[in-house]
């Protein structure tokens, strides 16, 4: 099993404009693959009150992140608007990848206009989930797992390492690589016809055979986050049409194509060759 690679963020002129996670430098590499045990169902019984939560929030120093765009070309300024929009789409995907309950919880928190509710919403957004990164990824909200799930939302919450390893041994070699790869998730249940086609001519086998309900399935990012990635690809294409920088134009077009094909090799090469005032990092990078 592996440390999954998260769809991540946008950085411009060295500054993050979408605070989802740490940006990966161009020389860094994915972490070693690690085992992911089954998720715990334990619920957090003691959650911080308003005073405690405000102290937790105060550990973070507010910082104004400013960037001078006066030197950008007219085309790059327009492209920048599209790239910021694309970064917001990445935020949405990141919430999904961190925990399956994130979106429902986020919508619920936005409805609570009490001082405690506002503080919970703020700290949720700072952590992109209900677990405090500075406190060992423990829950600060009620009704959620006590600790951040080791497999995030890349694996079924009730899947064990042993189940995963046993299942992957039944797969053809190419599908084993896909199951352990960095641009797929593992779910329970059947894939769509299109997903099966993208994974190869042969259907992806599930634990116990295709007829067994609850079997494991490989799903590429391009299918798992299809709607969001289609939107992000469109925005990158629009930005590519606006910029007058050849290397940025090439990267944006290739990365947009990668969002839909799930093949990131060519766009990664273009990213390494990027020489542009807009230094964008957007796509699957190690963050969780």
C-alpha atoms as a PDB file:
ATOM      1  CA  UNK A   1       0.000   0.000   0.000  1.00  0.00           C
ATOM      2  CA  UNK A   2       1.071   3.583  -0.343  1.00  0.00           C
ATOM      3  CA  UNK A   3       1.051   7.153   0.764  1.00  0.00           C
ATOM      4  CA  UNK A   4      -1.410   8.550  -1.757  1.00  0.00           C
ATOM      5  CA  UNK A   5      -0.688  11.644  -3.803  1.00  0.00           C
ATOM      6  CA  UNK A   6      -3.121  14.496  -3.377  1.00  0.00           C
ATOM      7  CA  UNK A   7      -4.406  16.879  -5.986  1.00  0.00           C
ATOM      8  CA  UNK A   8      -2.897  20.045  -4.629  1.00  0.00           C
ATOM      9  CA  UNK A   9      -2.266  23.699  -5.052  1.00  0.00           C
ATOM     10  CA  UNK A  10      -1.231  26.694  -7.044  1.00  0.00           C
ATOM     11  CA  UNK A  11       1.790  28.823  -6.298  1.00  0.00           C
ATOM     12  CA  UNK A  12       2.603  32.029  -8.099  1.00  0.00           C
ATOM     13  CA  UNK A  13       5.920  33.871  -7.909  1.00  0.00           C
ATOM     14  CA  UNK A  14       6.829  31.663  -4.945  1.00  0.00           C
ATOM     15  CA  UNK A  15       3.659  32.464  -2.983  1.00  0.00           C
ATOM     16  CA  UNK A  16       0.819  30.092  -2.230  1.00  0.00           C
ATOM     17  CA  UNK A  17      -2.564  31.464  -3.226  1.00  0.00           C
ATOM     18  CA  UNK A  18      -4.566  28.396  -2.302  1.00  0.00           C
ATOM     19  CA  UNK A  19      -3.797  27.186   1.209  1.00  0.00           C
ATOM     20  CA  UNK A  20      -4.486  23.497   0.832  1.00  0.00           C
ATOM     21  CA  UNK A  21      -1.164  21.939   1.671  1.00  0.00           C
ATOM     22  CA  UNK A  22       2.562  22.332   1.361  1.00  0.00           C
ATOM     23  CA  UNK A  23       3.829  22.894  -2.152  1.00  0.00           C
ATOM     24  CA  UNK A  24       6.237  20.288  -3.458  1.00  0.00           C
ATOM     25  CA  UNK A  25       9.453  21.687  -4.942  1.00  0.00           C
ATOM     26  CA  UNK A  26      10.461  20.547  -8.392  1.00  0.00           C
ATOM     27  CA  UNK A  27      13.318  18.479  -7.019  1.00  0.00           C
ATOM     28  CA  UNK A  28      11.296  16.579  -4.450  1.00  0.00           C
ATOM     29  CA  UNK A  29      10.030  13.034  -4.851  1.00  0.00           C
ATOM     30  CA  UNK A  30       7.015  11.101  -3.514  1.00  0.00           C
ATOM     31  CA  UNK A  31       7.406   9.559  -0.085  1.00  0.00           C
ATOM     32  CA  UNK A  32       7.942   5.855   0.330  1.00  0.00           C
ATOM     33  CA  UNK A  33       4.811   3.760   0.149  1.00  0.00           C
ATOM     34  CA  UNK A  34       3.383   2.952   3.547  1.00  0.00           C
ATOM     35  CA  UNK A  35       0.816   0.608   4.988  1.00  0.00           C
ATOM     36  CA  UNK A  36      -2.668   1.904   5.688  1.00  0.00           C
ATOM     37  CA  UNK A  37      -4.560   0.144   8.504  1.00  0.00           C
ATOM     38  CA  UNK A  38      -8.317   0.102   8.760  1.00  0.00           C
ATOM     39  CA  UNK A  39     -10.036   3.266   9.934  1.00  0.00           C
ATOM     40  CA  UNK A  40     -11.107   3.505  13.534  1.00  0.00           C
ATOM     41  CA  UNK A  41     -14.747   4.133  14.412  1.00  0.00           C
ATOM     42  CA  UNK A  42     -13.923   5.692  17.778  1.00  0.00           C
ATOM     43  CA  UNK A  43     -15.599   9.046  18.277  1.00  0.00           C
ATOM     44  CA  UNK A  44     -14.014  12.004  20.001  1.00  0.00           C
ATOM     45  CA  UNK A  45     -15.823  12.497  23.307  1.00  0.00           C
ATOM     46  CA  UNK A  46     -14.209  15.735  24.515  1.00  0.00           C
ATOM     47  CA  UNK A  47     -14.154  18.649  22.096  1.00  0.00           C
ATOM     48  CA  UNK A  48     -12.677  22.081  22.837  1.00  0.00           C
ATOM     49  CA  UNK A  49     -14.985  24.881  23.965  1.00  0.00           C
ATOM     50  CA  UNK A  50     -14.771  28.383  22.489  1.00  0.00           C
ATOM     51  CA  UNK A  51     -11.969  29.567  24.781  1.00  0.00           C
ATOM     52  CA  UNK A  52      -9.855  26.497  24.102  1.00  0.00           C
ATOM     53  CA  UNK A  53     -10.510  26.620  20.373  1.00  0.00           C
ATOM     54  CA  UNK A  54      -9.508  30.282  20.190  1.00  0.00           C
ATOM     55  CA  UNK A  55      -6.219  29.412  21.900  1.00  0.00           C
ATOM     56  CA  UNK A  56      -5.647  26.683  19.331  1.00  0.00           C
ATOM     57  CA  UNK A  57      -6.355  29.126  16.498  1.00  0.00           C
ATOM     58  CA  UNK A  58      -4.046  31.739  18.055  1.00  0.00           C
ATOM     59  CA  UNK A  59      -1.075  29.428  17.550  1.00  0.00           C
ATOM     60  CA  UNK A  60      -1.212  30.403  13.884  1.00  0.00           C
ATOM     61  CA  UNK A  61       0.029  33.898  13.002  1.00  0.00           C
ATOM     62  CA  UNK A  62      -2.079  35.665  10.351  1.00  0.00           C
ATOM     63  CA  UNK A  63       0.144  36.581   7.425  1.00  0.00           C
ATOM     64  CA  UNK A  64      -0.643  38.848   4.501  1.00  0.00           C
ATOM     65  CA  UNK A  65       0.641  37.210   1.327  1.00  0.00           C
ATOM     66  CA  UNK A  66       1.233  39.906  -1.232  1.00  0.00           C
ATOM     67  CA  UNK A  67       2.617  39.685  -4.737  1.00  0.00           C
ATOM     68  CA  UNK A  68       3.479  42.413  -7.206  1.00  0.00           C
ATOM     69  CA  UNK A  69       1.790  41.708 -10.529  1.00  0.00           C
ATOM     70  CA  UNK A  70       2.578  45.080 -12.112  1.00  0.00           C
ATOM     71  CA  UNK A  71       5.392  43.527 -14.144  1.00  0.00           C
ATOM     72  CA  UNK A  72       3.185  40.799 -15.622  1.00  0.00           C
ATOM     73  CA  UNK A  73       2.084  41.086 -19.214  1.00  0.00           C
ATOM     74  CA  UNK A  74      -1.573  41.816 -19.912  1.00  0.00           C
ATOM     75  CA  UNK A  75      -2.054  38.228 -21.011  1.00  0.00           C
ATOM     76  CA  UNK A  76      -0.456  36.806 -17.878  1.00  0.00           C
ATOM     77  CA  UNK A  77      -2.641  38.997 -15.673  1.00  0.00           C
ATOM     78  CA  UNK A  78      -5.729  37.549 -17.326  1.00  0.00           C
ATOM     79  CA  UNK A  79      -4.305  34.033 -17.130  1.00  0.00           C
ATOM     80  CA  UNK A  80      -3.663  34.528 -13.427  1.00  0.00           C
ATOM     81  CA  UNK A  81      -7.375  35.013 -12.786  1.00  0.00           C
ATOM     82  CA  UNK A  82      -8.104  31.655 -14.425  1.00  0.00           C
ATOM     83  CA  UNK A  83      -5.349  29.945 -12.456  1.00  0.00           C
ATOM     84  CA  UNK A  84      -6.711  31.208  -9.148  1.00  0.00           C
ATOM     85  CA  UNK A  85     -10.120  29.838 -10.149  1.00  0.00           C
ATOM     86  CA  UNK A  86      -8.478  26.489 -10.906  1.00  0.00           C
ATOM     87  CA  UNK A  87      -6.793  26.555  -7.486  1.00  0.00           C
ATOM     88  CA  UNK A  88     -10.194  26.827  -5.826  1.00  0.00           C
ATOM     89  CA  UNK A  89     -11.274  23.695  -7.709  1.00  0.00           C
ATOM     90  CA  UNK A  90      -8.223  21.944  -6.252  1.00  0.00           C
ATOM     91  CA  UNK A  91      -9.391  22.982  -2.776  1.00  0.00           C
ATOM     92  CA  UNK A  92     -12.648  21.150  -3.400  1.00  0.00           C
ATOM     93  CA  UNK A  93     -10.841  17.994  -4.529  1.00  0.00           C
ATOM     94  CA  UNK A  94      -8.488  18.146  -1.564  1.00  0.00           C
ATOM     95  CA  UNK A  95     -11.418  18.214   0.858  1.00  0.00           C
ATOM     96  CA  UNK A  96     -12.778  15.089  -0.834  1.00  0.00           C
ATOM     97  CA  UNK A  97      -9.430  13.330  -0.680  1.00  0.00           C
ATOM     98  CA  UNK A  98      -8.865  14.029   2.988  1.00  0.00           C
ATOM     99  CA  UNK A  99     -12.151  12.574   4.275  1.00  0.00           C
ATOM    100  CA  UNK A 100     -15.415  11.391   2.751  1.00  0.00           C
ATOM    101  CA  UNK A 101     -17.419  13.403   5.286  1.00  0.00           C
ATOM    102  CA  UNK A 102     -15.602  16.704   4.758  1.00  0.00           C
ATOM    103  CA  UNK A 103     -18.044  18.397   2.390  1.00  0.00           C
ATOM    104  CA  UNK A 104     -21.141  17.578   4.430  1.00  0.00           C
ATOM    105  CA  UNK A 105     -19.403  18.725   7.610  1.00  0.00           C
ATOM    106  CA  UNK A 106     -18.181  21.939   5.970  1.00  0.00           C
ATOM    107  CA  UNK A 107     -21.704  22.807   4.803  1.00  0.00           C
ATOM    108  CA  UNK A 108     -23.058  22.114   8.285  1.00  0.00           C
ATOM    109  CA  UNK A 109     -20.422  24.317   9.939  1.00  0.00           C
ATOM    110  CA  UNK A 110     -21.241  27.235   7.625  1.00  0.00           C
ATOM    111  CA  UNK A 111     -24.789  27.253   8.958  1.00  0.00           C
ATOM    112  CA  UNK A 112     -23.731  27.782  12.590  1.00  0.00           C
ATOM    113  CA  UNK A 113     -23.391  31.549  13.137  1.00  0.00           C
ATOM    114  CA  UNK A 114     -22.662  31.369  16.870  1.00  0.00           C
ATOM    115  CA  UNK A 115     -19.186  32.430  18.081  1.00  0.00           C
ATOM    116  CA  UNK A 116     -18.304  28.765  18.645  1.00  0.00           C
ATOM    117  CA  UNK A 117     -19.646  27.826  15.223  1.00  0.00           C
ATOM    118  CA  UNK A 118     -17.583  30.528  13.519  1.00  0.00           C
ATOM    119  CA  UNK A 119     -14.446  29.430  15.361  1.00  0.00           C
ATOM    120  CA  UNK A 120     -15.045  25.806  14.396  1.00  0.00           C
ATOM    121  CA  UNK A 121     -15.505  26.786  10.754  1.00  0.00           C
ATOM    122  CA  UNK A 122     -12.301  28.823  10.765  1.00  0.00           C
ATOM    123  CA  UNK A 123     -10.220  26.062  12.336  1.00  0.00           C
ATOM    124  CA  UNK A 124     -11.792  23.474  10.036  1.00  0.00           C
ATOM    125  CA  UNK A 125     -10.708  25.494   7.022  1.00  0.00           C
ATOM    126  CA  UNK A 126      -7.234  26.029   8.446  1.00  0.00           C
ATOM    127  CA  UNK A 127      -6.818  22.246   8.780  1.00  0.00           C
ATOM    128  CA  UNK A 128      -8.975  21.330   5.773  1.00  0.00           C
ATOM    129  CA  UNK A 129     -10.788  18.880   8.005  1.00  0.00           C
ATOM    130  CA  UNK A 130     -11.925  18.173  11.586  1.00  0.00           C
ATOM    131  CA  UNK A 131      -8.481  17.117  12.872  1.00  0.00           C
ATOM    132  CA  UNK A 132      -5.915  19.489  14.351  1.00  0.00           C
ATOM    133  CA  UNK A 133      -2.546  19.146  12.620  1.00  0.00           C
ATOM    134  CA  UNK A 134      -0.698  20.681  15.584  1.00  0.00           C
ATOM    135  CA  UNK A 135      -2.266  18.209  18.015  1.00  0.00           C
ATOM    136  CA  UNK A 136      -1.389  14.895  16.461  1.00  0.00           C
ATOM    137  CA  UNK A 137      -4.284  14.997  13.979  1.00  0.00           C
ATOM    138  CA  UNK A 138      -6.830  14.603  16.784  1.00  0.00           C
ATOM    139  CA  UNK A 139     -10.442  15.682  16.367  1.00  0.00           C
ATOM    140  CA  UNK A 140     -11.549  19.124  17.535  1.00  0.00           C
ATOM    141  CA  UNK A 141     -15.165  18.603  16.413  1.00  0.00           C
ATOM    142  CA  UNK A 142     -17.777  16.163  17.741  1.00  0.00           C
ATOM    143  CA  UNK A 143     -19.194  13.265  15.748  1.00  0.00           C
ATOM    144  CA  UNK A 144     -16.092  12.498  13.682  1.00  0.00           C
ATOM    145  CA  UNK A 145     -13.388   9.826  13.966  1.00  0.00           C
ATOM    146  CA  UNK A 146     -11.063  10.600  16.881  1.00  0.00           C
ATOM    147  CA  UNK A 147      -7.979  10.638  14.647  1.00  0.00           C
ATOM    148  CA  UNK A 148      -7.380  11.508  11.015  1.00  0.00           C
ATOM    149  CA  UNK A 149      -7.803   8.336   8.971  1.00  0.00           C
ATOM    150  CA  UNK A 150      -4.403   6.897   7.946  1.00  0.00           C
ATOM    151  CA  UNK A 151      -5.660   6.158   4.427  1.00  0.00           C
ATOM    152  CA  UNK A 152      -7.560   9.437   4.125  1.00  0.00           C
ATOM    153  CA  UNK A 153     -10.256   8.941   1.467  1.00  0.00           C
ATOM    154  CA  UNK A 154      -8.041   7.007  -0.938  1.00  0.00           C
ATOM    155  CA  UNK A 155      -9.158   3.639   0.446  1.00  0.00           C
ATOM    156  CA  UNK A 156     -12.398   2.264   1.939  1.00  0.00           C
ATOM    157  CA  UNK A 157     -12.484   3.235   5.616  1.00  0.00           C
ATOM    158  CA  UNK A 158     -12.990  -0.382   6.698  1.00  0.00           C
ATOM    159  CA  UNK A 159     -10.242  -1.864   4.517  1.00  0.00           C
ATOM    160  CA  UNK A 160      -7.281  -3.534   6.221  1.00  0.00           C
ATOM    161  CA  UNK A 161      -3.732  -3.787   4.952  1.00  0.00           C
ATOM    162  CA  UNK A 162      -4.123  -7.562   4.807  1.00  0.00           C
ATOM    163  CA  UNK A 163      -7.246  -7.279   2.661  1.00  0.00           C
ATOM    164  CA  UNK A 164      -5.478  -4.939   0.251  1.00  0.00           C
ATOM    165  CA  UNK A 165      -2.388  -7.104  -0.045  1.00  0.00           C
ATOM    166  CA  UNK A 166      -4.461 -10.266  -0.533  1.00  0.00           C
ATOM    167  CA  UNK A 167      -6.559  -8.603  -3.230  1.00  0.00           C
ATOM    168  CA  UNK A 168      -3.655  -7.137  -5.183  1.00  0.00           C
ATOM    169  CA  UNK A 169      -2.036 -10.596  -5.434  1.00  0.00           C
ATOM    170  CA  UNK A 170      -5.065 -11.741  -7.466  1.00  0.00           C
ATOM    171  CA  UNK A 171      -4.574  -8.980 -10.057  1.00  0.00           C
ATOM    172  CA  UNK A 172      -2.544  -9.088 -13.270  1.00  0.00           C
ATOM    173  CA  UNK A 173       0.826  -7.362 -12.953  1.00  0.00           C
ATOM    174  CA  UNK A 174      -0.233  -4.186 -14.754  1.00  0.00           C
ATOM    175  CA  UNK A 175      -3.283  -3.799 -12.521  1.00  0.00           C
ATOM    176  CA  UNK A 176      -1.175  -4.397  -9.407  1.00  0.00           C
ATOM    177  CA  UNK A 177       0.900  -1.404 -10.471  1.00  0.00           C
ATOM    178  CA  UNK A 178      -2.286   0.633 -10.916  1.00  0.00           C
ATOM    179  CA  UNK A 179      -3.605  -0.409  -7.507  1.00  0.00           C
ATOM    180  CA  UNK A 180      -0.356   0.732  -5.895  1.00  0.00           C
ATOM    181  CA  UNK A 181       0.055   3.729  -8.193  1.00  0.00           C
ATOM    182  CA  UNK A 182      -0.160   7.380  -7.267  1.00  0.00           C
ATOM    183  CA  UNK A 183      -3.073   8.442  -9.464  1.00  0.00           C
ATOM    184  CA  UNK A 184      -5.791   5.996  -8.449  1.00  0.00           C
ATOM    185  CA  UNK A 185      -8.057   5.395  -5.490  1.00  0.00           C
ATOM    186  CA  UNK A 186      -9.448   2.114  -4.169  1.00  0.00           C
ATOM    187  CA  UNK A 187     -13.196   1.777  -3.648  1.00  0.00           C
ATOM    188  CA  UNK A 188     -15.719  -0.956  -2.957  1.00  0.00           C
ATOM    189  CA  UNK A 189     -18.079  -1.754  -5.807  1.00  0.00           C
ATOM    190  CA  UNK A 190     -18.025  -1.923  -9.605  1.00  0.00           C
ATOM    191  CA  UNK A 191     -16.312   0.501 -11.940  1.00  0.00           C
ATOM    192  CA  UNK A 192     -18.054   2.202 -14.843  1.00  0.00           C
ATOM    193  CA  UNK A 193     -17.473   0.867 -18.357  1.00  0.00           C
ATOM    194  CA  UNK A 194     -15.352   3.921 -19.122  1.00  0.00           C
ATOM    195  CA  UNK A 195     -13.234   3.387 -16.021  1.00  0.00           C
ATOM    196  CA  UNK A 196     -12.612  -0.232 -16.973  1.00  0.00           C
ATOM    197  CA  UNK A 197     -11.585   0.874 -20.445  1.00  0.00           C
ATOM    198  CA  UNK A 198      -9.105   3.378 -19.033  1.00  0.00           C
ATOM    199  CA  UNK A 199      -7.540   0.729 -16.790  1.00  0.00           C
ATOM    200  CA  UNK A 200      -7.022  -1.647 -19.739  1.00  0.00           C
ATOM    201  CA  UNK A 201      -8.962  -3.990 -21.979  1.00  0.00           C
ATOM    202  CA  UNK A 202      -9.581  -6.518 -19.214  1.00  0.00           C
ATOM    203  CA  UNK A 203     -12.012  -5.610 -16.401  1.00  0.00           C
ATOM    204  CA  UNK A 204     -10.405  -4.838 -13.070  1.00  0.00           C
ATOM    205  CA  UNK A 205     -10.900  -7.801 -10.765  1.00  0.00           C
ATOM    206  CA  UNK A 206     -12.323  -7.347  -7.300  1.00  0.00           C
ATOM    207  CA  UNK A 207     -11.618  -9.219  -4.082  1.00  0.00           C
ATOM    208  CA  UNK A 208     -13.334 -12.587  -4.293  1.00  0.00           C
ATOM    209  CA  UNK A 209     -14.215 -12.098  -7.976  1.00  0.00           C
ATOM    210  CA  UNK A 210     -16.455  -9.587  -9.765  1.00  0.00           C
ATOM    211  CA  UNK A 211     -19.641 -11.230  -8.473  1.00  0.00           C
ATOM    212  CA  UNK A 212     -18.773 -10.719  -4.805  1.00  0.00           C
ATOM    213  CA  UNK A 213     -20.458  -7.668  -3.346  1.00  0.00           C
ATOM    214  CA  UNK A 214     -18.122  -5.338  -1.503  1.00  0.00           C
ATOM    215  CA  UNK A 215     -15.107  -6.205  -3.636  1.00  0.00           C
ATOM    216  CA  UNK A 216     -12.294  -3.711  -4.145  1.00  0.00           C
ATOM    217  CA  UNK A 217     -11.999  -1.663  -7.318  1.00  0.00           C
ATOM    218  CA  UNK A 218      -9.340   0.593  -8.840  1.00  0.00           C
ATOM    219  CA  UNK A 219     -10.600   4.010  -9.951  1.00  0.00           C
ATOM    220  CA  UNK A 220      -8.329   6.559 -11.688  1.00  0.00           C
ATOM    221  CA  UNK A 221      -8.305  10.154 -10.486  1.00  0.00           C
ATOM    222  CA  UNK A 222      -9.747  11.194 -13.846  1.00  0.00           C
ATOM    223  CA  UNK A 223     -12.912   9.263 -12.971  1.00  0.00           C
ATOM    224  CA  UNK A 224     -12.998   9.701  -9.201  1.00  0.00           C
ATOM    225  CA  UNK A 225     -12.854  13.510  -9.479  1.00  0.00           C
ATOM    226  CA  UNK A 226     -14.177  13.774 -13.017  1.00  0.00           C
ATOM    227  CA  UNK A 227     -16.442  16.819 -12.711  1.00  0.00           C
ATOM    228  CA  UNK A 228     -13.883  18.893 -10.842  1.00  0.00           C
ATOM    229  CA  UNK A 229     -11.005  17.871 -13.105  1.00  0.00           C
ATOM    230  CA  UNK A 230     -13.015  18.697 -16.201  1.00  0.00           C
ATOM    231  CA  UNK A 231     -13.660  22.153 -14.781  1.00  0.00           C
ATOM    232  CA  UNK A 232     -10.012  22.610 -13.830  1.00  0.00           C
ATOM    233  CA  UNK A 233      -8.877  21.437 -17.276  1.00  0.00           C
ATOM    234  CA  UNK A 234     -11.143  23.981 -18.938  1.00  0.00           C
ATOM    235  CA  UNK A 235      -9.732  26.774 -16.774  1.00  0.00           C
ATOM    236  CA  UNK A 236      -6.146  25.739 -17.544  1.00  0.00           C
ATOM    237  CA  UNK A 237      -6.907  25.702 -21.263  1.00  0.00           C
ATOM    238  CA  UNK A 238      -8.408  29.185 -20.996  1.00  0.00           C
ATOM    239  CA  UNK A 239      -5.332  30.398 -19.112  1.00  0.00           C
ATOM    240  CA  UNK A 240      -3.093  28.846 -21.766  1.00  0.00           C
ATOM    241  CA  UNK A 241      -4.921  30.799 -24.449  1.00  0.00           C
ATOM    242  CA  UNK A 242      -4.371  34.038 -22.515  1.00  0.00           C
ATOM    243  CA  UNK A 243      -0.686  33.811 -21.611  1.00  0.00           C
ATOM    244  CA  UNK A 244       2.041  34.863 -24.035  1.00  0.00           C
ATOM    245  CA  UNK A 245       4.686  32.709 -22.293  1.00  0.00           C
ATOM    246  CA  UNK A 246       5.454  29.662 -24.434  1.00  0.00           C
ATOM    247  CA  UNK A 247       6.591  27.373 -21.589  1.00  0.00           C
ATOM    248  CA  UNK A 248       3.566  28.219 -19.449  1.00  0.00           C
ATOM    249  CA  UNK A 249       1.231  27.728 -22.393  1.00  0.00           C
ATOM    250  CA  UNK A 250       2.734  24.291 -23.055  1.00  0.00           C
ATOM    251  CA  UNK A 251       2.541  23.187 -19.436  1.00  0.00           C
ATOM    252  CA  UNK A 252      -1.053  24.360 -18.931  1.00  0.00           C
ATOM    253  CA  UNK A 253      -2.294  22.584 -22.049  1.00  0.00           C
ATOM    254  CA  UNK A 254      -0.477  19.364 -21.149  1.00  0.00           C
ATOM    255  CA  UNK A 255      -1.629  19.455 -17.526  1.00  0.00           C
ATOM    256  CA  UNK A 256      -5.212  20.056 -18.650  1.00  0.00           C
ATOM    257  CA  UNK A 257      -4.940  16.990 -20.886  1.00  0.00           C
ATOM    258  CA  UNK A 258      -3.453  14.997 -17.995  1.00  0.00           C
ATOM    259  CA  UNK A 259      -6.421  15.815 -15.765  1.00  0.00           C
ATOM    260  CA  UNK A 260      -8.625  14.005 -18.284  1.00  0.00           C
ATOM    261  CA  UNK A 261      -6.291  11.173 -19.347  1.00  0.00           C
ATOM    262  CA  UNK A 262      -4.729  10.412 -15.933  1.00  0.00           C
ATOM    263  CA  UNK A 263      -1.294  10.334 -17.616  1.00  0.00           C
ATOM    264  CA  UNK A 264       0.900  13.028 -16.026  1.00  0.00           C
ATOM    265  CA  UNK A 265       4.306  12.213 -17.528  1.00  0.00           C
ATOM    266  CA  UNK A 266       4.428  14.751 -20.353  1.00  0.00           C
ATOM    267  CA  UNK A 267       3.006  17.546 -18.212  1.00  0.00           C
ATOM    268  CA  UNK A 268       5.518  16.760 -15.442  1.00  0.00           C
ATOM    269  CA  UNK A 269       8.345  17.170 -17.949  1.00  0.00           C
ATOM    270  CA  UNK A 270       6.845  20.464 -19.115  1.00  0.00           C
ATOM    271  CA  UNK A 271       6.576  21.573 -15.488  1.00  0.00           C
ATOM    272  CA  UNK A 272      10.285  20.959 -14.984  1.00  0.00           C
ATOM    273  CA  UNK A 273      11.000  23.156 -18.033  1.00  0.00           C
ATOM    274  CA  UNK A 274       8.672  25.944 -16.930  1.00  0.00           C
ATOM    275  CA  UNK A 275      10.273  29.394 -17.235  1.00  0.00           C
ATOM    276  CA  UNK A 276       7.545  31.892 -16.492  1.00  0.00           C
ATOM    277  CA  UNK A 277       6.716  34.760 -14.101  1.00  0.00           C
ATOM    278  CA  UNK A 278       3.720  32.636 -13.100  1.00  0.00           C
ATOM    279  CA  UNK A 279       5.215  29.628 -11.312  1.00  0.00           C
ATOM    280  CA  UNK A 280       2.256  27.285 -11.030  1.00  0.00           C
ATOM    281  CA  UNK A 281       2.147  24.021  -9.111  1.00  0.00           C
ATOM    282  CA  UNK A 282      -1.187  22.338  -9.697  1.00  0.00           C
ATOM    283  CA  UNK A 283      -2.016  18.664  -9.847  1.00  0.00           C
ATOM    284  CA  UNK A 284      -1.202  15.473  -7.913  1.00  0.00           C
ATOM    285  CA  UNK A 285       1.626  16.113  -5.465  1.00  0.00           C
ATOM    286  CA  UNK A 286       2.496  14.430  -2.184  1.00  0.00           C
ATOM    287  CA  UNK A 287       0.653  16.320   0.546  1.00  0.00           C
ATOM    288  CA  UNK A 288      -1.244  13.946   2.817  1.00  0.00           C
END
